[in-house]
Amino acid sequence: MLNGFVESFNGRMRDEFLNETLLRNLTHARDLISAWRTDYNTARPHSALGCQTPAGFALYLTTTIARAAARDESSARRAIAQPAPTGVNDHRAPVVAG
């Protein structure tokens, strides 16, 4: 899945930046690429993230995770299956040593 995101980023960078920008030298290229990448990651909404910016989506995830962790009373994992009701399967099979 990550490869699809990389391909999308590469295509956008090529179409929106490299095809339209004249780069004078390596320092100029680094400065412009850094500015474009910062804009892409902080100011522009992405449809794959529900039309949020990557920075906004990351903030949403960290606050959601932090709220869930604050509600949890222990660090132990919760059981996947609930215990059987009282009276169900009370008969234990004997275990033979050996």
PDB file of N, CA and C in Angstrom:
ATOM      1  N   MET A   1       0.825  -1.193   0.000  1.00  0.00           N
ATOM      2  CA  MET A   1       0.000   0.000   0.000  1.00  0.00           C
ATOM      3  C   MET A   1       0.868   1.255   0.000  1.00  0.00           C
ATOM      4  N   LEU A   2       1.980   1.190   0.710  1.00  0.00           N
ATOM      5  CA  LEU A   2       2.866   2.339   0.793  1.00  0.00           C
ATOM      6  C   LEU A   2       3.368   2.740  -0.595  1.00  0.00           C
ATOM      7  N   ASN A   3       3.598   1.766  -1.455  1.00  0.00           N
ATOM      8  CA  ASN A   3       4.082   2.047  -2.797  1.00  0.00           C
ATOM      9  C   ASN A   3       3.098   2.943  -3.562  1.00  0.00           C
ATOM     10  N   GLY A   4       1.805   2.757  -3.342  1.00  0.00           N
ATOM     11  CA  GLY A   4       0.796   3.594  -4.003  1.00  0.00           C
ATOM     12  C   GLY A   4       0.891   5.050  -3.561  1.00  0.00           C
ATOM     13  N   PHE A   5       1.167   5.260  -2.271  1.00  0.00           N
ATOM     14  CA  PHE A   5       1.315   6.622  -1.769  1.00  0.00           C
ATOM     15  C   PHE A   5       2.563   7.275  -2.341  1.00  0.00           C
ATOM     16  N   VAL A   6       3.642   6.511  -2.452  1.00  0.00           N
ATOM     17  CA  VAL A   6       4.882   7.038  -3.017  1.00  0.00           C
ATOM     18  C   VAL A   6       4.679   7.410  -4.470  1.00  0.00           C
ATOM     19  N   GLU A   7       4.006   6.540  -5.213  1.00  0.00           N
ATOM     20  CA  GLU A   7       3.726   6.828  -6.619  1.00  0.00           C
ATOM     21  C   GLU A   7       2.865   8.073  -6.766  1.00  0.00           C
ATOM     22  N   SER A   8       1.882   8.234  -5.903  1.00  0.00           N
ATOM     23  CA  SER A   8       1.023   9.409  -5.946  1.00  0.00           C
ATOM     24  C   SER A   8       1.828  10.675  -5.658  1.00  0.00           C
ATOM     25  N   PHE A   9       2.661  10.617  -4.629  1.00  0.00           N
ATOM     26  CA  PHE A   9       3.495  11.764  -4.288  1.00  0.00           C
ATOM     27  C   PHE A   9       4.440  12.107  -5.439  1.00  0.00           C
ATOM     28  N   ASN A  10       5.102  11.095  -5.996  1.00  0.00           N
ATOM     29  CA  ASN A  10       6.024  11.340  -7.110  1.00  0.00           C
ATOM     30  C   ASN A  10       5.317  11.968  -8.302  1.00  0.00           C
ATOM     31  N   GLY A  11       4.124  11.483  -8.620  1.00  0.00           N
ATOM     32  CA  GLY A  11       3.370  12.039  -9.739  1.00  0.00           C
ATOM     33  C   GLY A  11       2.977  13.487  -9.502  1.00  0.00           C
ATOM     34  N   ARG A  12       2.514  13.778  -8.291  1.00  0.00           N
ATOM     35  CA  ARG A  12       2.142  15.166  -7.979  1.00  0.00           C
ATOM     36  C   ARG A  12       3.362  16.080  -8.006  1.00  0.00           C
ATOM     37  N   MET A  13       4.458  15.617  -7.452  1.00  0.00           N
ATOM     38  CA  MET A  13       5.660  16.448  -7.450  1.00  0.00           C
ATOM     39  C   MET A  13       6.116  16.738  -8.883  1.00  0.00           C
ATOM     40  N   ARG A  14       6.059  15.726  -9.716  1.00  0.00           N
ATOM     41  CA  ARG A  14       6.457  15.907 -11.115  1.00  0.00           C
ATOM     42  C   ARG A  14       5.504  16.868 -11.826  1.00  0.00           C
ATOM     43  N   ASP A  15       4.196  16.618 -11.704  1.00  0.00           N
ATOM     44  CA  ASP A  15       3.216  17.426 -12.430  1.00  0.00           C
ATOM     45  C   ASP A  15       3.112  18.857 -11.913  1.00  0.00           C
ATOM     46  N   GLU A  16       3.108  19.017 -10.598  1.00  0.00           N
ATOM     47  CA  GLU A  16       2.857  20.338 -10.021  1.00  0.00           C
ATOM     48  C   GLU A  16       4.115  21.154  -9.755  1.00  0.00           C
ATOM     49  N   PHE A  17       5.248  20.495  -9.666  1.00  0.00           N
ATOM     50  CA  PHE A  17       6.447  21.232  -9.293  1.00  0.00           C
ATOM     51  C   PHE A  17       7.542  21.143 -10.357  1.00  0.00           C
ATOM     52  N   LEU A  18       8.016  19.946 -10.621  1.00  0.00           N
ATOM     53  CA  LEU A  18       9.184  19.808 -11.504  1.00  0.00           C
ATOM     54  C   LEU A  18       8.902  20.233 -12.937  1.00  0.00           C
ATOM     55  N   ASN A  19       7.707  19.942 -13.451  1.00  0.00           N
ATOM     56  CA  ASN A  19       7.400  20.314 -14.830  1.00  0.00           C
ATOM     57  C   ASN A  19       7.183  21.824 -15.001  1.00  0.00           C
ATOM     58  N   GLU A  20       6.968  22.538 -13.894  1.00  0.00           N
ATOM     59  CA  GLU A  20       6.644  23.962 -13.981  1.00  0.00           C
ATOM     60  C   GLU A  20       7.702  24.879 -13.380  1.00  0.00           C
ATOM     61  N   THR A  21       8.789  24.313 -12.869  1.00  0.00           N
ATOM     62  CA  THR A  21       9.762  25.116 -12.151  1.00  0.00           C
ATOM     63  C   THR A  21      11.120  25.054 -12.836  1.00  0.00           C
ATOM     64  N   LEU A  22      11.735  26.199 -13.005  1.00  0.00           N
ATOM     65  CA  LEU A  22      13.084  26.275 -13.543  1.00  0.00           C
ATOM     66  C   LEU A  22      14.041  26.397 -12.369  1.00  0.00           C
ATOM     67  N   LEU A  23      14.906  25.426 -12.227  1.00  0.00           N
ATOM     68  CA  LEU A  23      15.834  25.380 -11.099  1.00  0.00           C
ATOM     69  C   LEU A  23      17.195  25.900 -11.546  1.00  0.00           C
ATOM     70  N   ARG A  24      17.712  26.895 -10.827  1.00  0.00           N
ATOM     71  CA  ARG A  24      18.977  27.522 -11.221  1.00  0.00           C
ATOM     72  C   ARG A  24      20.201  26.721 -10.819  1.00  0.00           C
ATOM     73  N   ASN A  25      20.175  26.171  -9.624  1.00  0.00           N
ATOM     74  CA  ASN A  25      21.313  25.380  -9.141  1.00  0.00           C
ATOM     75  C   ASN A  25      20.806  24.443  -8.045  1.00  0.00           C
ATOM     76  N   LEU A  26      21.708  23.666  -7.482  1.00  0.00           N
ATOM     77  CA  LEU A  26      21.319  22.669  -6.496  1.00  0.00           C
ATOM     78  C   LEU A  26      20.762  23.304  -5.223  1.00  0.00           C
ATOM     79  N   THR A  27      21.352  24.388  -4.772  1.00  0.00           N
ATOM     80  CA  THR A  27      20.866  25.069  -3.570  1.00  0.00           C
ATOM     81  C   THR A  27      19.455  25.608  -3.797  1.00  0.00           C
ATOM     82  N   HIS A  28      19.240  26.225  -4.950  1.00  0.00           N
ATOM     83  CA  HIS A  28      17.917  26.736  -5.299  1.00  0.00           C
ATOM     84  C   HIS A  28      16.904  25.592  -5.366  1.00  0.00           C
ATOM     85  N   ALA A  29      17.287  24.476  -5.962  1.00  0.00           N
ATOM     86  CA  ALA A  29      16.399  23.317  -6.065  1.00  0.00           C
ATOM     87  C   ALA A  29      16.034  22.796  -4.676  1.00  0.00           C
ATOM     88  N   ARG A  30      17.022  22.675  -3.792  1.00  0.00           N
ATOM     89  CA  ARG A  30      16.754  22.185  -2.437  1.00  0.00           C
ATOM     90  C   ARG A  30      15.795  23.106  -1.690  1.00  0.00           C
ATOM     91  N   ASP A  31      15.983  24.396  -1.808  1.00  0.00           N
ATOM     92  CA  ASP A  31      15.111  25.356  -1.126  1.00  0.00           C
ATOM     93  C   ASP A  31      13.673  25.262  -1.630  1.00  0.00           C
ATOM     94  N   LEU A  32      13.503  25.224  -2.950  1.00  0.00           N
ATOM     95  CA  LEU A  32      12.156  25.167  -3.526  1.00  0.00           C
ATOM     96  C   LEU A  32      11.465  23.829  -3.226  1.00  0.00           C
ATOM     97  N   ILE A  33      12.227  22.744  -3.307  1.00  0.00           N
ATOM     98  CA  ILE A  33      11.658  21.422  -3.022  1.00  0.00           C
ATOM     99  C   ILE A  33      11.229  21.345  -1.561  1.00  0.00           C
ATOM    100  N   SER A  34      12.036  21.871  -0.672  1.00  0.00           N
ATOM    101  CA  SER A  34      11.691  21.871   0.749  1.00  0.00           C
ATOM    102  C   SER A  34      10.403  22.665   1.007  1.00  0.00           C
ATOM    103  N   ALA A  35      10.284  23.805   0.380  1.00  0.00           N
ATOM    104  CA  ALA A  35       9.075  24.627   0.544  1.00  0.00           C
ATOM    105  C   ALA A  35       7.850  23.909  -0.025  1.00  0.00           C
ATOM    106  N   TRP A  36       7.998  23.282  -1.191  1.00  0.00           N
ATOM    107  CA  TRP A  36       6.877  22.565  -1.800  1.00  0.00           C
ATOM    108  C   TRP A  36       6.465  21.385  -0.928  1.00  0.00           C
ATOM    109  N   ARG A  37       7.430  20.631  -0.427  1.00  0.00           N
ATOM    110  CA  ARG A  37       7.149  19.466   0.416  1.00  0.00           C
ATOM    111  C   ARG A  37       6.463  19.885   1.726  1.00  0.00           C
ATOM    112  N   THR A  38       6.903  20.988   2.309  1.00  0.00           N
ATOM    113  CA  THR A  38       6.268  21.494   3.527  1.00  0.00           C
ATOM    114  C   THR A  38       4.821  21.876   3.255  1.00  0.00           C
ATOM    115  N   ASP A  39       4.577  22.561   2.155  1.00  0.00           N
ATOM    116  CA  ASP A  39       3.211  22.922   1.774  1.00  0.00           C
ATOM    117  C   ASP A  39       2.374  21.665   1.545  1.00  0.00           C
ATOM    118  N   TYR A  40       2.927  20.677   0.850  1.00  0.00           N
ATOM    119  CA  TYR A  40       2.214  19.433   0.539  1.00  0.00           C
ATOM    120  C   TYR A  40       1.819  18.692   1.814  1.00  0.00           C
ATOM    121  N   ASN A  41       2.697  18.704   2.816  1.00  0.00           N
ATOM    122  CA  ASN A  41       2.458  17.944   4.038  1.00  0.00           C
ATOM    123  C   ASN A  41       1.712  18.698   5.133  1.00  0.00           C
ATOM    124  N   THR A  42       1.632  20.019   5.056  1.00  0.00           N
ATOM    125  CA  THR A  42       1.013  20.764   6.152  1.00  0.00           C
ATOM    126  C   THR A  42      -0.202  21.595   5.734  1.00  0.00           C
ATOM    127  N   ALA A  43      -0.227  22.091   4.524  1.00  0.00           N
ATOM    128  CA  ALA A  43      -1.278  23.038   4.142  1.00  0.00           C
ATOM    129  C   ALA A  43      -2.315  22.471   3.177  1.00  0.00           C
ATOM    130  N   ARG A  44      -1.987  21.409   2.462  1.00  0.00           N
ATOM    131  CA  ARG A  44      -2.888  20.911   1.424  1.00  0.00           C
ATOM    132  C   ARG A  44      -3.708  19.724   1.899  1.00  0.00           C
ATOM    133  N   PRO A  45      -5.025  19.777   1.727  1.00  0.00           N
ATOM    134  CA  PRO A  45      -5.854  18.622   2.096  1.00  0.00           C
ATOM    135  C   PRO A  45      -5.645  17.466   1.117  1.00  0.00           C
ATOM    136  N   HIS A  46      -5.735  16.252   1.629  1.00  0.00           N
ATOM    137  CA  HIS A  46      -5.569  15.050   0.814  1.00  0.00           C
ATOM    138  C   HIS A  46      -6.850  14.225   0.881  1.00  0.00           C
ATOM    139  N   SER A  47      -7.333  13.808  -0.264  1.00  0.00           N
ATOM    140  CA  SER A  47      -8.594  13.058  -0.307  1.00  0.00           C
ATOM    141  C   SER A  47      -8.469  11.721   0.426  1.00  0.00           C
ATOM    142  N   ALA A  48      -7.307  11.098   0.408  1.00  0.00           N
ATOM    143  CA  ALA A  48      -7.125   9.818   1.093  1.00  0.00           C
ATOM    144  C   ALA A  48      -7.208   9.964   2.607  1.00  0.00           C
ATOM    145  N   LEU A  49      -7.091  11.192   3.105  1.00  0.00           N
ATOM    146  CA  LEU A  49      -7.156  11.443   4.544  1.00  0.00           C
ATOM    147  C   LEU A  49      -8.465  12.130   4.927  1.00  0.00           C
ATOM    148  N   GLY A  50      -9.483  11.962   4.119  1.00  0.00           N
ATOM    149  CA  GLY A  50     -10.764  12.587   4.410  1.00  0.00           C
ATOM    150  C   GLY A  50     -10.714  14.096   4.226  1.00  0.00           C
ATOM    151  N   CYS A  51      -9.959  14.552   3.238  1.00  0.00           N
ATOM    152  CA  CYS A  51      -9.780  15.977   2.924  1.00  0.00           C
ATOM    153  C   CYS A  51      -9.183  16.759   4.099  1.00  0.00           C
ATOM    154  N   GLN A  52      -8.311  16.101   4.841  1.00  0.00           N
ATOM    155  CA  GLN A  52      -7.545  16.769   5.884  1.00  0.00           C
ATOM    156  C   GLN A  52      -6.098  16.894   5.422  1.00  0.00           C
ATOM    157  N   THR A  53      -5.382  17.817   6.033  1.00  0.00           N
ATOM    158  CA  THR A  53      -3.948  17.893   5.754  1.00  0.00           C
ATOM    159  C   THR A  53      -3.266  16.753   6.502  1.00  0.00           C
ATOM    160  N   PRO A  54      -2.113  16.284   6.030  1.00  0.00           N
ATOM    161  CA  PRO A  54      -1.401  15.237   6.766  1.00  0.00           C
ATOM    162  C   PRO A  54      -1.099  15.649   8.203  1.00  0.00           C
ATOM    163  N   ALA A  55      -0.734  16.912   8.420  1.00  0.00           N
ATOM    164  CA  ALA A  55      -0.455  17.368   9.782  1.00  0.00           C
ATOM    165  C   ALA A  55      -1.720  17.340  10.634  1.00  0.00           C
ATOM    166  N   GLY A  56      -2.842  17.760  10.079  1.00  0.00           N
ATOM    167  CA  GLY A  56      -4.114  17.728  10.797  1.00  0.00           C
ATOM    168  C   GLY A  56      -4.569  16.313  11.086  1.00  0.00           C
ATOM    169  N   PHE A  57      -4.365  15.408  10.131  1.00  0.00           N
ATOM    170  CA  PHE A  57      -4.735  14.012  10.319  1.00  0.00           C
ATOM    171  C   PHE A  57      -3.874  13.379  11.406  1.00  0.00           C
ATOM    172  N   ALA A  58      -2.574  13.682  11.416  1.00  0.00           N
ATOM    173  CA  ALA A  58      -1.680  13.159  12.451  1.00  0.00           C
ATOM    174  C   ALA A  58      -2.104  13.662  13.831  1.00  0.00           C
ATOM    175  N   LEU A  59      -2.483  14.922  13.918  1.00  0.00           N
ATOM    176  CA  LEU A  59      -2.949  15.474  15.186  1.00  0.00           C
ATOM    177  C   LEU A  59      -4.235  14.782  15.632  1.00  0.00           C
ATOM    178  N   TYR A  60      -5.146  14.547  14.700  1.00  0.00           N
ATOM    179  CA  TYR A  60      -6.387  13.834  14.997  1.00  0.00           C
ATOM    180  C   TYR A  60      -6.089  12.441  15.541  1.00  0.00           C
ATOM    181  N   LEU A  61      -5.167  11.722  14.880  1.00  0.00           N
ATOM    182  CA  LEU A  61      -4.829  10.372  15.327  1.00  0.00           C
ATOM    183  C   LEU A  61      -4.212  10.384  16.722  1.00  0.00           C
ATOM    184  N   THR A  62      -3.277  11.281  16.970  1.00  0.00           N
ATOM    185  CA  THR A  62      -2.615  11.295  18.275  1.00  0.00           C
ATOM    186  C   THR A  62      -3.592  11.674  19.382  1.00  0.00           C
ATOM    187  N   THR A  63      -4.508  12.592  19.131  1.00  0.00           N
ATOM    188  CA  THR A  63      -5.474  12.948  20.179  1.00  0.00           C
ATOM    189  C   THR A  63      -6.490  11.833  20.383  1.00  0.00           C
ATOM    190  N   THR A  64      -6.869  11.146  19.322  1.00  0.00           N
ATOM    191  CA  THR A  64      -7.797  10.022  19.448  1.00  0.00           C
ATOM    192  C   THR A  64      -7.157   8.895  20.241  1.00  0.00           C
ATOM    193  N   ILE A  65      -5.913   8.588  19.939  1.00  0.00           N
ATOM    194  CA  ILE A  65      -5.200   7.530  20.648  1.00  0.00           C
ATOM    195  C   ILE A  65      -4.980   7.930  22.101  1.00  0.00           C
ATOM    196  N   ALA A  66      -4.632   9.186  22.339  1.00  0.00           N
ATOM    197  CA  ALA A  66      -4.401   9.649  23.709  1.00  0.00           C
ATOM    198  C   ALA A  66      -5.683   9.577  24.531  1.00  0.00           C
ATOM    199  N   ARG A  67      -6.829   9.937  23.940  1.00  0.00           N
ATOM    200  CA  ARG A  67      -8.095   9.854  24.665  1.00  0.00           C
ATOM    201  C   ARG A  67      -8.442   8.413  25.001  1.00  0.00           C
ATOM    202  N   ALA A  68      -8.225   7.503  24.074  1.00  0.00           N
ATOM    203  CA  ALA A  68      -8.516   6.087  24.328  1.00  0.00           C
ATOM    204  C   ALA A  68      -7.588   5.540  25.406  1.00  0.00           C
ATOM    205  N   ALA A  69      -6.329   5.946  25.384  1.00  0.00           N
ATOM    206  CA  ALA A  69      -5.380   5.478  26.391  1.00  0.00           C
ATOM    207  C   ALA A  69      -5.722   6.039  27.761  1.00  0.00           C
ATOM    208  N   ALA A  70      -6.206   7.252  27.830  1.00  0.00           N
ATOM    209  CA  ALA A  70      -6.572   7.859  29.113  1.00  0.00           C
ATOM    210  C   ALA A  70      -7.769   7.144  29.733  1.00  0.00           C
ATOM    211  N   ARG A  71      -8.688   6.632  28.914  1.00  0.00           N
ATOM    212  CA  ARG A  71      -9.855   5.917  29.432  1.00  0.00           C
ATOM    213  C   ARG A  71      -9.493   4.535  29.943  1.00  0.00           C
ATOM    214  N   ASP A  72      -8.435   3.946  29.392  1.00  0.00           N
ATOM    215  CA  ASP A  72      -8.040   2.599  29.777  1.00  0.00           C
ATOM    216  C   ASP A  72      -7.495   2.637  31.200  1.00  0.00           C
ATOM    217  N   GLU A  73      -7.972   1.733  32.035  1.00  0.00           N
ATOM    218  CA  GLU A  73      -7.583   1.736  33.430  1.00  0.00           C
ATOM    219  C   GLU A  73      -6.315   0.950  33.698  1.00  0.00           C
ATOM    220  N   SER A  74      -5.873   0.150  32.758  1.00  0.00           N
ATOM    221  CA  SER A  74      -4.656  -0.624  32.960  1.00  0.00           C
ATOM    222  C   SER A  74      -3.923  -0.746  31.629  1.00  0.00           C
ATOM    223  N   SER A  75      -2.706  -1.211  31.727  1.00  0.00           N
ATOM    224  CA  SER A  75      -1.931  -1.383  30.503  1.00  0.00           C
ATOM    225  C   SER A  75      -2.096  -2.780  29.929  1.00  0.00           C
ATOM    226  N   ALA A  76      -2.785  -3.662  30.662  1.00  0.00           N
ATOM    227  CA  ALA A  76      -2.989  -5.026  30.180  1.00  0.00           C
ATOM    228  C   ALA A  76      -3.992  -5.029  29.037  1.00  0.00           C
ATOM    229  N   ARG A  77      -3.793  -5.949  28.117  1.00  0.00           N
ATOM    230  CA  ARG A  77      -4.734  -6.081  26.998  1.00  0.00           C
ATOM    231  C   ARG A  77      -6.053  -6.642  27.495  1.00  0.00           C
ATOM    232  N   ARG A  78      -7.107  -6.202  26.871  1.00  0.00           N
ATOM    233  CA  ARG A  78      -8.423  -6.719  27.215  1.00  0.00           C
ATOM    234  C   ARG A  78      -8.629  -8.081  26.549  1.00  0.00           C
ATOM    235  N   ALA A  79      -9.447  -8.907  27.207  1.00  0.00           N
ATOM    236  CA  ALA A  79      -9.746 -10.227  26.659  1.00  0.00           C
ATOM    237  C   ALA A  79     -10.552 -10.081  25.378  1.00  0.00           C
ATOM    238  N   ILE A  80     -10.266 -10.932  24.409  1.00  0.00           N
ATOM    239  CA  ILE A  80     -11.005 -10.896  23.149  1.00  0.00           C
ATOM    240  C   ILE A  80     -12.401 -11.479  23.353  1.00  0.00           C
ATOM    241  N   ALA A  81     -12.475 -12.632  24.031  1.00  0.00           N
ATOM    242  CA  ALA A  81     -13.768 -13.279  24.269  1.00  0.00           C
ATOM    243  C   ALA A  81     -14.213 -12.999  25.703  1.00  0.00           C
ATOM    244  N   GLN A  82     -15.493 -12.836  25.868  1.00  0.00           N
ATOM    245  CA  GLN A  82     -16.042 -12.633  27.205  1.00  0.00           C
ATOM    246  C   GLN A  82     -16.090 -13.977  27.930  1.00  0.00           C
ATOM    247  N   PRO A  83     -15.964 -13.978  29.261  1.00  0.00           N
ATOM    248  CA  PRO A  83     -16.055 -15.244  29.990  1.00  0.00           C
ATOM    249  C   PRO A  83     -17.457 -15.840  29.864  1.00  0.00           C
ATOM    250  N   ALA A  84     -17.537 -17.148  29.991  1.00  0.00           N
ATOM    251  CA  ALA A  84     -18.829 -17.837  29.900  1.00  0.00           C
ATOM    252  C   ALA A  84     -19.695 -17.463  31.095  1.00  0.00           C
ATOM    253  N   PRO A  85     -21.002 -17.382  30.907  1.00  0.00           N
ATOM    254  CA  PRO A  85     -21.896 -17.078  32.027  1.00  0.00           C
ATOM    255  C   PRO A  85     -21.784 -18.149  33.114  1.00  0.00           C
ATOM    256  N   THR A  86     -22.127 -17.789  34.333  1.00  0.00           N
ATOM    257  CA  THR A  86     -22.071 -18.721  35.460  1.00  0.00           C
ATOM    258  C   THR A  86     -22.961 -19.921  35.193  1.00  0.00           C
ATOM    259  N   GLY A  87     -22.429 -21.109  35.475  1.00  0.00           N
ATOM    260  CA  GLY A  87     -23.203 -22.338  35.286  1.00  0.00           C
ATOM    261  C   GLY A  87     -22.985 -22.991  33.939  1.00  0.00           C
ATOM    262  N   VAL A  88     -22.318 -22.330  33.033  1.00  0.00           N
ATOM    263  CA  VAL A  88     -22.057 -22.898  31.712  1.00  0.00           C
ATOM    264  C   VAL A  88     -20.665 -23.511  31.737  1.00  0.00           C
ATOM    265  N   ASN A  89     -20.574 -24.772  31.391  1.00  0.00           N
ATOM    266  CA  ASN A  89     -19.314 -25.481  31.289  1.00  0.00           C
ATOM    267  C   ASN A  89     -18.535 -25.464  32.607  1.00  0.00           C
ATOM    268  N   ASP A  90     -19.215 -25.764  33.701  1.00  0.00           N
ATOM    269  CA  ASP A  90     -18.539 -25.847  34.994  1.00  0.00           C
ATOM    270  C   ASP A  90     -17.795 -27.160  35.167  1.00  0.00           C
ATOM    271  N   HIS A  91     -18.062 -28.130  34.334  1.00  0.00           N
ATOM    272  CA  HIS A  91     -17.429 -29.444  34.458  1.00  0.00           C
ATOM    273  C   HIS A  91     -16.060 -29.403  33.795  1.00  0.00           C
ATOM    274  N   ARG A  92     -15.063 -29.633  34.585  1.00  0.00           N
ATOM    275  CA  ARG A  92     -13.695 -29.622  34.084  1.00  0.00           C
ATOM    276  C   ARG A  92     -13.256 -31.050  33.748  1.00  0.00           C
ATOM    277  N   ALA A  93     -12.570 -31.213  32.654  1.00  0.00           N
ATOM    278  CA  ALA A  93     -12.049 -32.532  32.293  1.00  0.00           C
ATOM    279  C   ALA A  93     -10.800 -32.797  33.115  1.00  0.00           C
ATOM    280  N   PRO A  94     -10.656 -33.995  33.666  1.00  0.00           N
ATOM    281  CA  PRO A  94      -9.448 -34.295  34.429  1.00  0.00           C
ATOM    282  C   PRO A  94      -8.234 -34.335  33.512  1.00  0.00           C
ATOM    283  N   VAL A  95      -7.142 -33.846  34.019  1.00  0.00           N
ATOM    284  CA  VAL A  95      -5.878 -33.857  33.269  1.00  0.00           C
ATOM    285  C   VAL A  95      -5.001 -34.925  33.853  1.00  0.00           C
ATOM    286  N   VAL A  96      -4.512 -35.807  33.003  1.00  0.00           N
ATOM    287  CA  VAL A  96      -3.651 -36.886  33.454  1.00  0.00           C
ATOM    288  C   VAL A  96      -2.202 -36.476  33.302  1.00  0.00           C
ATOM    289  N   ALA A  97      -1.437 -36.594  34.351  1.00  0.00           N
ATOM    290  CA  ALA A  97      -0.018 -36.241  34.315  1.00  0.00           C
ATOM    291  C   ALA A  97       0.737 -37.297  33.556  1.00  0.00           C
ATOM    292  N   GLY A  98       1.719 -36.870  32.831  1.00  0.00           N
ATOM    293  CA  GLY A  98       2.537 -37.918  32.250  1.00  0.00           C
ATOM    294  C   GLY A  98       2.923 -37.669  30.907  1.00  0.00           C
TER     295      GLY A  98
END
